[in-house]
Protein backbone atom coordinates (compact mmCIF):
# COMPACT_ATOMS: atom_id res chain seq x y z
CA UNK A 1 -12.22 9.14 0.62
CA UNK A 2 -9.48 8.95 -2.36
CA UNK A 3 -8.24 5.87 -3.02
CA UNK A 4 -6.39 4.59 -6.19
CA UNK A 5 -10.03 3.16 -7.29
CA UNK A 6 -11.22 6.51 -7.26
CA UNK A 7 -8.47 8.86 -8.69
CA UNK A 8 -6.91 6.73 -11.37
CA UNK A 9 -9.96 5.50 -13.54
CA UNK A 10 -11.27 8.95 -13.82
CA UNK A 11 -7.62 9.91 -15.22
CA UNK A 12 -8.21 7.19 -17.61
CA UNK A 13 -11.14 8.96 -19.03
CA UNK A 14 -9.50 12.29 -19.10
CA UNK A 15 -7.08 10.82 -20.89
CA UNK A 16 -9.17 8.94 -22.99
CA UNK A 17 -10.58 12.43 -23.79
CA UNK A 18 -7.58 13.82 -24.75
CA UNK A 19 -6.63 10.81 -27.17
CA UNK A 20 -9.96 11.48 -28.90
CA UNK A 21 -9.59 15.39 -29.69
CA UNK A 22 -5.98 14.64 -30.81
CA UNK A 23 -7.26 11.76 -32.80
CA UNK A 24 -10.31 14.03 -34.45
CA UNK A 25 -7.53 16.92 -35.45
CA UNK A 26 -5.65 14.07 -37.16
CA UNK A 27 -8.65 13.00 -39.34
CA UNK A 28 -9.47 16.52 -40.14
CA UNK A 29 -5.71 17.12 -41.21
CA UNK A 30 -5.35 20.12 -38.87
CA UNK A 31 -1.69 19.31 -37.94
CA UNK A 32 -1.09 22.44 -35.59
CA UNK A 33 -4.13 21.32 -33.25
CA UNK A 34 -3.10 17.47 -33.68
CA UNK A 35 0.40 18.54 -32.10
CA UNK A 36 -1.22 20.97 -29.47
CA UNK A 37 -3.69 17.95 -28.20
CA UNK A 38 -1.01 15.29 -28.79
CA UNK A 39 1.20 16.88 -26.65
CA UNK A 40 -1.36 17.19 -23.61
CA UNK A 41 -2.34 13.93 -24.39
CA UNK A 42 1.39 12.59 -23.99
CA UNK A 43 2.16 14.50 -20.86
CA UNK A 44 -1.15 13.17 -19.37
CA UNK A 45 -0.11 9.56 -19.97
CA UNK A 46 3.24 10.05 -18.77
CA UNK A 47 2.15 11.57 -15.50
CA UNK A 48 -0.43 8.90 -15.33
CA UNK A 49 2.55 6.08 -15.94
CA UNK A 50 4.80 7.89 -13.25
CA UNK A 51 1.70 7.97 -10.52
CA UNK A 52 1.53 4.26 -11.06
CA UNK A 53 4.99 3.45 -11.53
CA UNK A 54 6.82 5.55 -8.55
CA UNK A 55 3.85 5.70 -6.30
CA UNK A 56 1.19 3.16 -6.56
CA UNK A 57 3.12 -0.20 -7.79
CA UNK A 58 5.83 -0.22 -5.30
CA UNK A 59 3.04 0.60 -2.44
CA UNK A 60 1.67 -2.64 -3.72
CA UNK A 61 4.86 -4.44 -3.98
CA UNK A 62 5.51 -3.43 -0.49
CA UNK A 63 2.46 -4.53 1.18
CA UNK A 64 1.79 -8.06 -0.76
CA UNK A 65 5.44 -8.90 -1.36
CA UNK A 66 4.36 -9.50 -5.14
CA UNK A 67 6.91 -8.31 -7.50
CA UNK A 68 6.69 -10.17 -10.55
CA UNK A 69 2.48 -10.37 -10.69
CA UNK A 70 0.57 -7.77 -12.21
CA UNK A 71 2.58 -4.89 -11.70
CA UNK A 72 5.11 -6.40 -13.59
CA UNK A 73 2.63 -6.92 -16.33
CA UNK A 74 1.13 -3.24 -16.25
CA UNK A 75 4.91 -1.78 -16.21
CA UNK A 76 5.40 -4.07 -19.89
CA UNK A 77 2.34 -2.53 -20.98
CA UNK A 78 3.29 0.98 -19.84
CA UNK A 79 6.71 0.32 -22.39
CA UNK A 80 4.61 -0.66 -25.09
CA UNK A 81 2.24 2.25 -24.68
CA UNK A 82 5.40 4.60 -24.63
CA UNK A 83 6.70 3.09 -27.92
CA UNK A 84 3.16 3.79 -29.67
CA UNK A 85 3.05 7.19 -28.09
CA UNK A 86 6.71 7.69 -29.42
CA UNK A 87 5.63 6.69 -33.05
CA UNK A 88 2.57 8.67 -32.87
CA UNK A 89 4.55 11.24 -32.25
CA UNK A 90 7.04 11.26 -35.14
CA UNK A 91 3.25 10.89 -37.12
CA UNK A 92 2.23 13.82 -36.00
CA UNK A 93 5.24 15.63 -36.67
CA UNK A 94 5.41 14.13 -40.22
CA UNK A 95 1.83 14.93 -40.85
CA UNK A 96 1.31 11.23 -41.99
CA UNK A 97 -2.08 10.57 -41.62
CA UNK A 98 -2.27 6.51 -42.24
CA UNK A 99 1.07 6.44 -39.55
CA UNK A 100 -0.86 8.51 -36.96
CA UNK A 101 -4.27 6.69 -37.83
CA UNK A 102 -2.65 3.05 -37.49
CA UNK A 103 -1.04 3.96 -34.68
CA UNK A 104 -3.41 5.53 -32.99
CA UNK A 105 -5.86 2.44 -33.46
CA UNK A 106 -3.32 0.00 -32.01
CA UNK A 107 -2.91 2.10 -29.11
CA UNK A 108 -6.60 3.03 -28.42
CA UNK A 109 -6.97 -1.30 -28.29
CA UNK A 110 -4.08 -1.69 -25.93
CA UNK A 111 -5.11 1.51 -23.67
CA UNK A 112 -8.72 -0.20 -23.49
CA UNK A 113 -7.16 -3.50 -22.84
CA UNK A 114 -4.63 -2.15 -20.06
CA UNK A 115 -7.33 0.38 -18.29
CA UNK A 116 -10.26 -2.70 -18.08
CA UNK A 117 -7.00 -4.65 -16.29
CA UNK A 118 -6.55 -2.09 -13.99
CA UNK A 119 -9.91 -0.91 -13.00
CA UNK A 120 -11.24 -3.95 -12.61
CA UNK A 121 -8.24 -6.04 -11.06
CA UNK A 122 -5.14 -4.40 -9.87
CA UNK A 123 -6.94 -1.01 -8.41
CA UNK A 124 -9.31 -3.44 -6.45
CA UNK A 125 -6.23 -4.99 -4.75
CA UNK A 126 -4.57 -2.27 -4.29
CA UNK A 127 -7.29 -0.97 -2.14
CA UNK A 128 -7.29 -3.96 -0.70
CA UNK A 129 -3.91 -4.46 0.23
CA UNK A 130 -3.02 -1.11 1.15
CA UNK A 131 -6.00 -0.58 3.79
CA UNK A 132 -5.73 2.45 5.36
CA UNK A 133 -2.92 3.96 3.32
CA UNK A 134 -5.13 3.49 -0.04
CA UNK A 135 -6.61 6.81 0.90
CA UNK A 136 -3.35 8.52 1.45
CA UNK A 137 -1.74 7.00 -1.49
CA UNK A 138 -4.57 8.05 -3.94
CA UNK A 139 -4.55 11.86 -2.40
CA UNK A 140 -0.64 11.69 -3.04
CA UNK A 141 -1.71 10.82 -6.74
CA UNK A 142 -4.35 13.16 -7.41
CA UNK A 143 -1.88 15.67 -6.04
CA UNK A 144 0.62 14.71 -8.51
CA UNK A 145 -1.78 14.28 -11.75
CA UNK A 146 -3.38 17.98 -10.78
CA UNK A 147 0.81 19.12 -10.81
CA UNK A 148 1.16 17.60 -14.14
CA UNK A 149 -2.11 19.84 -15.38
CA UNK A 150 -4.81 17.22 -15.38
C-alpha cells in the first residue's frame, strides 16, 4: 500500500531534516554549506508542492467536486512558502544571518501548521475520496519524489 497518507508525511519529515541541516549551517556561518543544504531543501520542497498540485489535488477535486475547499487553502499556503523560500535564498546569497534566521523561523511555523493540516485532515480525506485510486496515486507521487532526488 502506497497511499498519499503514507508517502507524503514521510516526505514532510525528509524536508524537515533538510531544513534543519541548512539552518544549522547558517547558524555556524558556513555559507557554502548553507547554500548547498538550502538548494537541496528548496528542490525537495518544490518537488513536494508539484506532486500535490499536479497529482493529488486535481484527483481529489475530481473525485469530490470540491474546488474551493482545502486544496485551495493548501495552494495558497504553498505560495506563501514559495515566497519565504525566495527570501531565504536571497538571505543565503547575501550571507545575511538576521534575514536568514527570521525567514527560517517564519517558514518553520508555516510548514508545521501546513503539514499538520495536510496530515490530519486533507490526506485522510484524499485516501477516503480516492478509494482504490489512492494507492496508484501514492505510487505515482512516490516515483515523482524519487526522481527529484528524495
